[in-house]
Amino acid sequence: DDEDEDDEDEDDDDFDDDDIDDDDDDSPAMLVWEVNEDKDIVWLETTPTGGQISWLKDHLKRLQDVRNAVAERKRSLKTQYEATAIMDYHRVLTEAFELAITSVPSSDQKEQEEL
């Protein structure tokens, strides 16, 4: 069991809060967004750029990769409520990241808007 905990700790090291900082000195260290009723993204601080978008994509991939592990571990929970809450949380978090990533215009879209 201790080996499993060590493996989990190593996985946590992959996503450091410092990784979301963009190359720009004035970019925020934190990304804040909300999903409205129509599943539109509202960025509360600023729209992410560069390294922040990469961080979002990397984190989304990690959420997708751990889905099966989350589903497996839910079987060991004591109540169906706990299992449902955890799976719902994972689903909603994954969806929020997918929506956030697709809400950021690509560089091609930005160029078209500027014309």
C-alpha atoms as a PDB file:
ATOM      1  CA  ASP A   1       0.000   0.000   0.000  1.00  0.00           C
ATOM      2  CA  ASP A   2       2.874   2.392   0.731  1.00  0.00           C
ATOM      3  CA  GLU A   3       4.133   1.889  -2.815  1.00  0.00           C
ATOM      4  CA  ASP A   4       0.696   2.907  -4.182  1.00  0.00           C
ATOM      5  CA  GLU A   5       0.800   6.080  -2.093  1.00  0.00           C
ATOM      6  CA  ASP A   6       4.292   6.885  -3.394  1.00  0.00           C
ATOM      7  CA  ASP A   7       3.089   6.429  -6.985  1.00  0.00           C
ATOM      8  CA  GLU A   8       0.183   8.774  -6.332  1.00  0.00           C
ATOM      9  CA  ASP A   9       2.537  11.393  -4.870  1.00  0.00           C
ATOM     10  CA  GLU A  10       4.736  11.204  -7.969  1.00  0.00           C
ATOM     11  CA  ASP A  11       1.689  11.768 -10.201  1.00  0.00           C
ATOM     12  CA  ASP A  12       0.757  14.852  -8.188  1.00  0.00           C
ATOM     13  CA  ASP A  13       4.189  16.329  -8.929  1.00  0.00           C
ATOM     14  CA  ASP A  14       3.325  16.470 -12.636  1.00  0.00           C
ATOM     15  CA  PHE A  15       0.961  19.399 -12.078  1.00  0.00           C
ATOM     16  CA  ASP A  16       2.563  22.244 -10.228  1.00  0.00           C
ATOM     17  CA  ASP A  17       0.649  25.492  -9.697  1.00  0.00           C
ATOM     18  CA  ASP A  18       3.639  27.334 -11.158  1.00  0.00           C
ATOM     19  CA  ASP A  19       3.043  25.515 -14.455  1.00  0.00           C
ATOM     20  CA  ILE A  20      -0.035  27.643 -15.225  1.00  0.00           C
ATOM     21  CA  ASP A  21       1.960  30.857 -15.350  1.00  0.00           C
ATOM     22  CA  ASP A  22       2.296  32.125 -18.890  1.00  0.00           C
ATOM     23  CA  ASP A  23       5.555  33.441 -20.256  1.00  0.00           C
ATOM     24  CA  ASP A  24       4.253  37.008 -19.837  1.00  0.00           C
ATOM     25  CA  ASP A  25       5.115  38.655 -16.535  1.00  0.00           C
ATOM     26  CA  ASP A  26       1.671  40.261 -16.292  1.00  0.00           C
ATOM     27  CA  SER A  27      -0.340  37.040 -16.766  1.00  0.00           C
ATOM     28  CA  PRO A  28      -2.302  35.768 -13.778  1.00  0.00           C
ATOM     29  CA  ALA A  29      -1.053  32.732 -11.883  1.00  0.00           C
ATOM     30  CA  MET A  30      -4.639  31.575 -11.481  1.00  0.00           C
ATOM     31  CA  LEU A  31      -7.292  30.813 -14.083  1.00  0.00           C
ATOM     32  CA  VAL A  32     -10.871  31.488 -13.026  1.00  0.00           C
ATOM     33  CA  TRP A  33     -13.918  30.735 -15.115  1.00  0.00           C
ATOM     34  CA  GLU A  34     -17.529  29.784 -14.717  1.00  0.00           C
ATOM     35  CA  VAL A  35     -19.891  27.819 -16.893  1.00  0.00           C
ATOM     36  CA  ASN A  36     -23.280  29.485 -17.308  1.00  0.00           C
ATOM     37  CA  GLU A  37     -26.634  27.757 -17.843  1.00  0.00           C
ATOM     38  CA  ASP A  38     -26.068  27.611 -21.616  1.00  0.00           C
ATOM     39  CA  LYS A  39     -22.667  25.961 -21.050  1.00  0.00           C
ATOM     40  CA  ASP A  40     -20.886  29.087 -22.219  1.00  0.00           C
ATOM     41  CA  ILE A  41     -17.617  29.965 -20.518  1.00  0.00           C
ATOM     42  CA  VAL A  42     -17.246  33.278 -18.737  1.00  0.00           C
ATOM     43  CA  TRP A  43     -13.619  34.078 -17.905  1.00  0.00           C
ATOM     44  CA  LEU A  44     -13.632  36.011 -14.624  1.00  0.00           C
ATOM     45  CA  GLU A  45     -10.104  37.356 -14.744  1.00  0.00           C
ATOM     46  CA  THR A  46      -8.605  37.089 -18.211  1.00  0.00           C
ATOM     47  CA  THR A  47      -8.688  34.700 -21.145  1.00  0.00           C
ATOM     48  CA  PRO A  48      -5.754  32.272 -20.933  1.00  0.00           C
ATOM     49  CA  THR A  49      -2.928  32.342 -23.430  1.00  0.00           C
ATOM     50  CA  GLY A  50       0.171  30.321 -24.301  1.00  0.00           C
ATOM     51  CA  GLY A  51       1.395  28.255 -21.383  1.00  0.00           C
ATOM     52  CA  GLN A  52      -1.922  28.540 -19.581  1.00  0.00           C
ATOM     53  CA  ILE A  53      -3.762  26.882 -22.474  1.00  0.00           C
ATOM     54  CA  SER A  54      -1.134  24.129 -22.523  1.00  0.00           C
ATOM     55  CA  TRP A  55      -1.637  23.620 -18.792  1.00  0.00           C
ATOM     56  CA  LEU A  56      -5.414  23.329 -19.292  1.00  0.00           C
ATOM     57  CA  LYS A  57      -4.923  20.738 -22.037  1.00  0.00           C
ATOM     58  CA  ASP A  58      -2.434  18.738 -19.972  1.00  0.00           C
ATOM     59  CA  HIS A  59      -4.736  18.744 -16.959  1.00  0.00           C
ATOM     60  CA  LEU A  60      -7.723  17.699 -19.090  1.00  0.00           C
ATOM     61  CA  LYS A  61      -5.706  14.778 -20.459  1.00  0.00           C
ATOM     62  CA  ARG A  62      -4.822  13.745 -16.919  1.00  0.00           C
ATOM     63  CA  LEU A  63      -8.492  13.882 -15.886  1.00  0.00           C
ATOM     64  CA  GLN A  64      -9.407  11.717 -18.865  1.00  0.00           C
ATOM     65  CA  ASP A  65      -6.581   9.280 -18.111  1.00  0.00           C
ATOM     66  CA  VAL A  66      -7.576   8.771 -14.456  1.00  0.00           C
ATOM     67  CA  ARG A  67     -11.279   8.254 -15.181  1.00  0.00           C
ATOM     68  CA  ASN A  68     -10.996   4.454 -15.067  1.00  0.00           C
ATOM     69  CA  ALA A  69      -8.993   4.560 -11.837  1.00  0.00           C
ATOM     70  CA  VAL A  70     -11.641   6.784 -10.268  1.00  0.00           C
ATOM     71  CA  ALA A  71     -14.376   4.401 -11.416  1.00  0.00           C
ATOM     72  CA  GLU A  72     -12.491   1.392 -10.006  1.00  0.00           C
ATOM     73  CA  ARG A  73     -11.929   3.001  -6.622  1.00  0.00           C
ATOM     74  CA  LYS A  74     -15.557   4.058  -6.262  1.00  0.00           C
ATOM     75  CA  ARG A  75     -16.410   0.387  -5.667  1.00  0.00           C
ATOM     76  CA  SER A  76     -14.558   0.500  -2.355  1.00  0.00           C
ATOM     77  CA  LEU A  77     -16.666   3.355  -0.979  1.00  0.00           C
ATOM     78  CA  LYS A  78     -19.184   2.669   1.764  1.00  0.00           C
ATOM     79  CA  THR A  79     -22.222   4.318   0.198  1.00  0.00           C
ATOM     80  CA  GLN A  80     -23.639   4.727  -3.266  1.00  0.00           C
ATOM     81  CA  TYR A  81     -23.983   8.454  -2.496  1.00  0.00           C
ATOM     82  CA  GLU A  82     -20.201   8.809  -2.097  1.00  0.00           C
ATOM     83  CA  ALA A  83     -19.560   6.920  -5.345  1.00  0.00           C
ATOM     84  CA  THR A  84     -22.106   8.987  -7.264  1.00  0.00           C
ATOM     85  CA  ALA A  85     -20.779  12.269  -5.848  1.00  0.00           C
ATOM     86  CA  ILE A  86     -17.190  11.438  -6.817  1.00  0.00           C
ATOM     87  CA  MET A  87     -18.097  10.312 -10.336  1.00  0.00           C
ATOM     88  CA  ASP A  88     -20.327  13.369 -10.831  1.00  0.00           C
ATOM     89  CA  TYR A  89     -17.548  15.664  -9.629  1.00  0.00           C
ATOM     90  CA  HIS A  90     -15.052  14.066 -12.020  1.00  0.00           C
ATOM     91  CA  ARG A  91     -17.531  14.306 -14.924  1.00  0.00           C
ATOM     92  CA  VAL A  92     -18.327  17.961 -14.252  1.00  0.00           C
ATOM     93  CA  LEU A  93     -14.672  18.910 -13.768  1.00  0.00           C
ATOM     94  CA  THR A  94     -13.709  17.191 -17.020  1.00  0.00           C
ATOM     95  CA  GLU A  95     -16.545  18.924 -18.858  1.00  0.00           C
ATOM     96  CA  ALA A  96     -15.539  22.319 -17.418  1.00  0.00           C
ATOM     97  CA  PHE A  97     -11.983  21.861 -18.706  1.00  0.00           C
ATOM     98  CA  GLU A  98     -13.237  20.761 -22.146  1.00  0.00           C
ATOM     99  CA  LEU A  99     -15.495  23.822 -22.365  1.00  0.00           C
ATOM    100  CA  ALA A 100     -12.743  26.138 -21.146  1.00  0.00           C
ATOM    101  CA  ILE A 101     -10.298  24.886 -23.772  1.00  0.00           C
ATOM    102  CA  THR A 102     -12.783  25.137 -26.618  1.00  0.00           C
ATOM    103  CA  SER A 103     -13.804  28.644 -25.538  1.00  0.00           C
ATOM    104  CA  VAL A 104     -10.335  30.071 -26.141  1.00  0.00           C
ATOM    105  CA  PRO A 105     -10.024  31.269 -29.731  1.00  0.00           C
ATOM    106  CA  SER A 106      -7.174  29.710 -31.671  1.00  0.00           C
ATOM    107  CA  SER A 107      -4.509  31.991 -33.113  1.00  0.00           C
ATOM    108  CA  ASP A 108      -6.136  31.539 -36.563  1.00  0.00           C
ATOM    109  CA  GLN A 109      -9.500  32.694 -35.212  1.00  0.00           C
ATOM    110  CA  LYS A 110      -7.873  35.698 -33.520  1.00  0.00           C
ATOM    111  CA  GLU A 111      -6.226  36.724 -36.795  1.00  0.00           C
ATOM    112  CA  GLN A 112      -9.565  36.490 -38.641  1.00  0.00           C
ATOM    113  CA  GLU A 113     -11.282  38.613 -35.972  1.00  0.00           C
ATOM    114  CA  GLU A 114      -8.585  41.283 -36.279  1.00  0.00           C
ATOM    115  CA  LEU A 115      -9.150  41.578 -40.054  1.00  0.00           C
END
